Protein backbone atom coordinates (compact mmCIF):
# COMPACT_ATOMS: atom_id res chain seq x y z
CA MET A 1 -84.75 65.30 -23.23
CA LYS A 2 -82.56 66.29 -25.91
CA GLY A 3 -80.61 68.15 -23.03
CA ILE A 4 -80.42 64.91 -21.13
CA VAL A 5 -79.22 62.82 -23.98
CA ALA A 6 -76.65 65.25 -24.93
CA SER A 7 -75.37 65.53 -21.52
CA LEU A 8 -75.46 61.64 -21.22
CA PHE A 9 -73.54 61.63 -24.38
CA LEU A 10 -70.93 63.79 -23.09
CA PHE A 11 -70.56 62.11 -19.94
CA ILE A 12 -70.29 58.78 -21.50
CA THR A 13 -67.43 60.13 -24.01
CA MET A 14 -65.83 61.67 -21.12
CA LEU A 15 -65.69 58.90 -18.91
CA PRO A 16 -63.03 56.75 -21.05
CA ALA A 17 -61.08 59.87 -21.35
CA ALA A 18 -60.54 60.17 -17.59
CA ASN A 19 -59.70 56.40 -17.27
CA THR A 20 -57.34 56.01 -20.09
CA VAL A 21 -53.81 55.47 -19.36
CA ASP A 22 -50.98 56.86 -21.33
CA CYS A 23 -49.79 53.19 -23.18
CA ASN A 24 -46.35 54.77 -23.75
CA LYS A 25 -45.70 55.76 -20.26
CA VAL A 26 -46.50 52.20 -19.12
CA PHE A 27 -44.42 51.07 -21.88
CA GLU A 28 -41.74 53.14 -20.95
CA GLN A 29 -41.87 52.29 -17.11
CA ARG A 30 -42.01 48.60 -18.11
CA LYS A 31 -39.07 49.05 -20.56
CA ASN A 32 -36.90 50.61 -17.51
CA GLU A 33 -37.86 47.80 -15.45
CA ILE A 34 -36.81 45.20 -17.92
CA LEU A 35 -33.51 47.22 -18.30
CA ARG A 36 -32.80 47.25 -14.59
CA GLU A 37 -33.55 43.72 -14.53
CA LEU A 38 -31.28 42.97 -17.65
CA ASP A 39 -28.49 44.91 -15.92
CA ARG A 40 -29.08 43.13 -12.73
CA LEU A 41 -28.74 39.60 -14.40
CA ASP A 42 -25.65 40.70 -16.35
CA GLU A 43 -23.92 41.74 -13.01
CA GLU A 44 -24.91 38.40 -11.79
CA GLN A 45 -23.62 36.27 -14.76
CA GLN A 46 -20.36 38.64 -14.51
CA ALA A 47 -19.97 37.62 -10.84
CA PHE A 48 -20.72 34.11 -11.67
CA GLU A 49 -18.23 33.99 -14.15
CA LEU A 50 -15.46 35.53 -12.05
CA TYR A 51 -16.51 32.90 -9.37
CA LYS A 52 -16.44 30.22 -11.88
CA GLU A 53 -12.74 31.18 -13.18
CA ALA A 54 -11.45 31.46 -9.46
CA GLN A 55 -12.83 28.08 -8.82
CA ASN A 56 -11.19 26.42 -11.91
CA ALA A 57 -8.11 28.15 -11.01
CA LEU A 58 -8.06 26.96 -7.30
CA LEU A 59 -8.95 23.42 -8.81
CA GLU A 60 -6.16 23.37 -11.43
CA LYS A 61 -3.78 24.76 -8.73
CA LYS A 62 -5.05 21.80 -6.43
CA ALA A 63 -4.55 19.49 -9.11
CA LYS A 64 -1.20 20.39 -9.76
CA LYS A 65 -0.14 20.03 -6.19
CA ILE A 66 -1.79 16.38 -6.06
CA GLU A 67 0.32 15.62 -9.31
CA ALA A 68 3.49 16.73 -7.68
CA LYS A 69 2.68 14.43 -4.64
CA LEU A 70 2.05 11.64 -6.74
CA GLN A 71 5.15 12.13 -8.59
CA GLU A 72 6.81 12.39 -5.29
CA VAL A 73 5.13 9.08 -4.06
CA ASN A 74 6.12 7.43 -7.14
CA ALA A 75 9.81 8.28 -6.91
CA THR A 76 9.71 7.32 -3.31
CA LEU A 77 8.13 3.92 -4.43
CA GLN A 78 10.59 3.28 -7.06
CA LYS A 79 13.63 3.92 -4.27
CA VAL A 80 11.86 1.51 -1.97
CA GLU A 81 11.43 -0.86 -4.60
CA GLN A 82 15.12 -0.59 -5.62
CA THR A 83 16.16 -0.84 -1.90
CA LYS A 84 14.05 -3.73 -1.54
CA LYS A 85 15.61 -5.47 -4.38
CA GLU A 86 19.09 -4.67 -3.12
CA THR A 87 18.15 -5.90 0.22
CA LEU A 88 17.01 -9.10 -1.07
CA ALA A 89 19.99 -9.64 -3.48
CA LEU A 90 22.27 -8.96 -0.31
CA TYR A 91 20.05 -11.20 1.85
CA GLU A 92 20.71 -14.25 -0.69
CA LYS A 93 24.27 -13.40 -0.79
CA ASN A 94 24.42 -13.51 3.01
CA LYS A 95 22.50 -16.72 2.99
CA LYS A 96 24.65 -18.55 0.69
CA LEU A 97 27.76 -17.35 2.57
CA LEU A 98 26.20 -18.71 5.71
CA GLU A 99 25.39 -22.05 4.15
CA GLU A 100 29.12 -22.07 2.94
CA ILE A 101 30.13 -21.32 6.27
CA LYS A 102 28.03 -24.03 7.83
CA LYS A 103 29.13 -26.50 5.33
CA ALA A 104 32.89 -25.56 5.92
CA LYS A 105 32.24 -25.88 9.83
CA ASP A 106 30.77 -29.15 9.07
CA ASP A 107 33.23 -30.47 6.79
CA LYS A 108 35.96 -29.43 9.42
CA ILE A 109 33.95 -31.22 12.14
CA THR A 110 33.51 -34.47 9.76
CA ALA A 111 37.39 -34.40 9.13
CA ALA A 112 38.56 -34.03 12.70
CA TYR A 113 36.09 -37.03 13.79
CA THR A 114 37.24 -39.24 10.70
CA LYS A 115 40.74 -38.71 12.03
CA MET A 116 40.16 -39.38 15.75
CA LYS A 117 40.19 -42.77 17.09
CA ASP A 118 36.74 -44.49 17.48
CA SER A 119 36.66 -44.88 21.17
CA LYS A 120 37.37 -41.26 21.83
CA ALA A 121 35.17 -40.13 19.05
CA ALA A 122 32.36 -42.34 20.97
CA ALA A 123 33.18 -40.79 24.30
CA ILE A 124 32.62 -37.48 23.19
CA LEU A 125 29.39 -38.07 21.21
CA ASP A 126 27.83 -39.80 24.25
CA THR A 127 28.37 -36.57 26.29
CA MET A 128 26.80 -34.38 23.30
CA PRO A 129 23.13 -33.70 22.77
CA LYS A 130 21.65 -36.38 20.49
CA PRO A 131 20.69 -34.27 17.76
CA LYS A 132 24.34 -32.91 17.38
CA ALA A 133 25.51 -36.23 17.71
CA ALA A 134 23.39 -37.41 15.13
CA LYS A 135 24.33 -34.38 12.69
CA ILE A 136 27.88 -35.19 13.12
CA LEU A 137 27.45 -38.80 12.42
CA PHE A 138 25.15 -38.41 9.31
CA ASN A 139 28.46 -36.52 7.90
CA LEU A 140 30.69 -39.29 8.19
CA LYS A 141 31.08 -42.37 6.14
CA PRO A 142 29.01 -45.56 7.08
CA LYS A 143 32.27 -47.58 7.85
CA LYS A 144 33.19 -44.73 10.46
CA VAL A 145 29.98 -44.48 11.98
CA ALA A 146 29.51 -48.09 12.53
CA LYS A 147 32.88 -48.24 14.28
CA ILE A 148 31.98 -45.29 16.66
CA MET A 149 28.49 -46.32 17.33
CA ALA A 150 29.93 -49.74 18.34
CA LYS A 151 31.98 -47.96 21.02
CA MET A 152 29.25 -45.85 22.29
CA ASP A 153 26.90 -46.35 25.32
CA PRO A 154 24.09 -48.93 23.88
CA ASP A 155 21.07 -46.51 24.91
CA ILE A 156 22.51 -43.46 23.50
CA ALA A 157 23.58 -45.25 20.28
CA ALA A 158 19.97 -46.37 19.92
CA SER A 159 18.52 -43.05 20.34
CA VAL A 160 21.12 -41.54 17.71
CA THR A 161 20.18 -44.19 15.31
CA GLN A 162 16.51 -43.41 15.50
CA LEU A 163 17.46 -39.84 14.82
CA LEU A 164 19.63 -40.95 11.92
CA GLN A 165 16.60 -43.03 10.43
CA LYS A 166 14.28 -39.81 10.47
CA GLY A 167 17.25 -38.03 8.67
CA PRO A 168 18.07 -34.24 8.69
CA PRO A 169 17.37 -31.67 9.90
CA PHE A 170 18.09 -33.07 13.54
CA ASP A 171 16.87 -30.47 16.05
CA SER A 172 16.63 -30.06 19.60
CA ASN A 173 13.13 -31.17 19.92
CA SER A 174 14.03 -34.49 19.11
CA THR A 175 14.51 -37.23 21.82
CA GLU A 176 17.31 -36.47 24.18
């Protein structure tokens, strides 16, 4: 029995020795795995940083292009605004000149009808479109208008009188 106990004791003490693992070996393997993983993560971080720098450089380049285009558009807009102002000023100047020309023309026509004999003026105004006749008569003095209308065809004089009552502008869409 002593032999059995002794062999059992020997067997039990030997059993853990066979199943024991070298902890240092396991720690070294795990340490190597962790170092490889750290190296891999470091490489990935460096690659990410390079990518990030490249993207930032690209974004800055695009931002500079956009800023340049914006400045170009603003310069063009200023030129357009300046041209618009100049055009409007020229338009107003031309409008005033046109009004002056029309007034000078009307003044000449008025002067001509003022100097004309009443019967001759009436004969001419009878053949004109009524709005034009009304415009001419509107510019004359009331005494002269009365004398000319007295010599005009009564129907035409009545139509022109209605136009004169409405006042200017005398357009072509009025009673003919």
